[in-house]
């Protein structure tokens, strides 16, 4: 499943979900690199 995470105030990364950490952060993988950051909230229309 693809997830988008925020690495800072202006940097976002979208990749394959690898793991969810206990502190609320998410690990995603892009090619051979892994990134750790906070998930970006999705906006769903009702």
Protein backbone atom coordinates (compact mmCIF):
# COMPACT_ATOMS: atom_id res chain seq x y z
CA UNK A 1 0.00 0.00 0.00
CA UNK A 2 1.32 3.45 -0.87
CA UNK A 3 1.66 5.97 1.96
CA UNK A 4 2.74 9.59 2.04
CA UNK A 5 4.87 10.82 4.91
CA UNK A 6 6.15 14.23 5.92
CA UNK A 7 9.89 14.56 6.61
CA UNK A 8 9.78 18.24 7.44
CA UNK A 9 7.68 21.32 6.86
CA UNK A 10 8.24 21.24 3.06
CA UNK A 11 9.37 17.70 2.21
CA UNK A 12 7.02 14.77 1.59
CA UNK A 13 7.80 11.25 0.38
CA UNK A 14 5.42 8.71 -1.13
CA UNK A 15 6.38 5.04 -1.03
CA UNK A 16 5.42 1.50 -0.09
CA UNK A 17 4.43 1.06 3.56
CA UNK A 18 7.02 -0.99 5.47
CA UNK A 19 6.21 -0.49 9.15
CA UNK A 20 4.31 1.65 11.66
CA UNK A 21 6.30 2.65 14.72
CA UNK A 22 5.00 3.00 18.28
CA UNK A 23 5.66 6.75 18.35
CA UNK A 24 3.26 7.35 15.43
CA UNK A 25 5.86 7.51 12.69
CA UNK A 26 5.66 5.43 9.52
CA UNK A 27 8.44 3.75 7.53
CA UNK A 28 8.13 3.75 3.72
CA UNK A 29 10.43 2.31 1.06
CA UNK A 30 11.26 4.00 -2.25
CA UNK A 31 13.47 1.88 -4.51
CA UNK A 32 16.28 0.77 -2.15
CA UNK A 33 15.95 3.62 0.38
CA UNK A 34 13.75 3.73 3.47
CA UNK A 35 12.34 6.92 4.98
CA UNK A 36 10.82 7.56 8.41
CA UNK A 37 8.33 10.35 9.05
CA UNK A 38 4.86 11.27 10.18
CA UNK A 39 1.94 10.19 7.97
CA UNK A 40 0.13 12.84 5.97
CA UNK A 41 -3.59 12.84 6.81
CA UNK A 42 -5.95 12.01 3.98
CA UNK A 43 -8.93 14.20 3.28
CA UNK A 44 -12.01 12.20 2.39
CA UNK A 45 -15.13 13.74 0.95
CA UNK A 46 -18.36 12.43 2.39
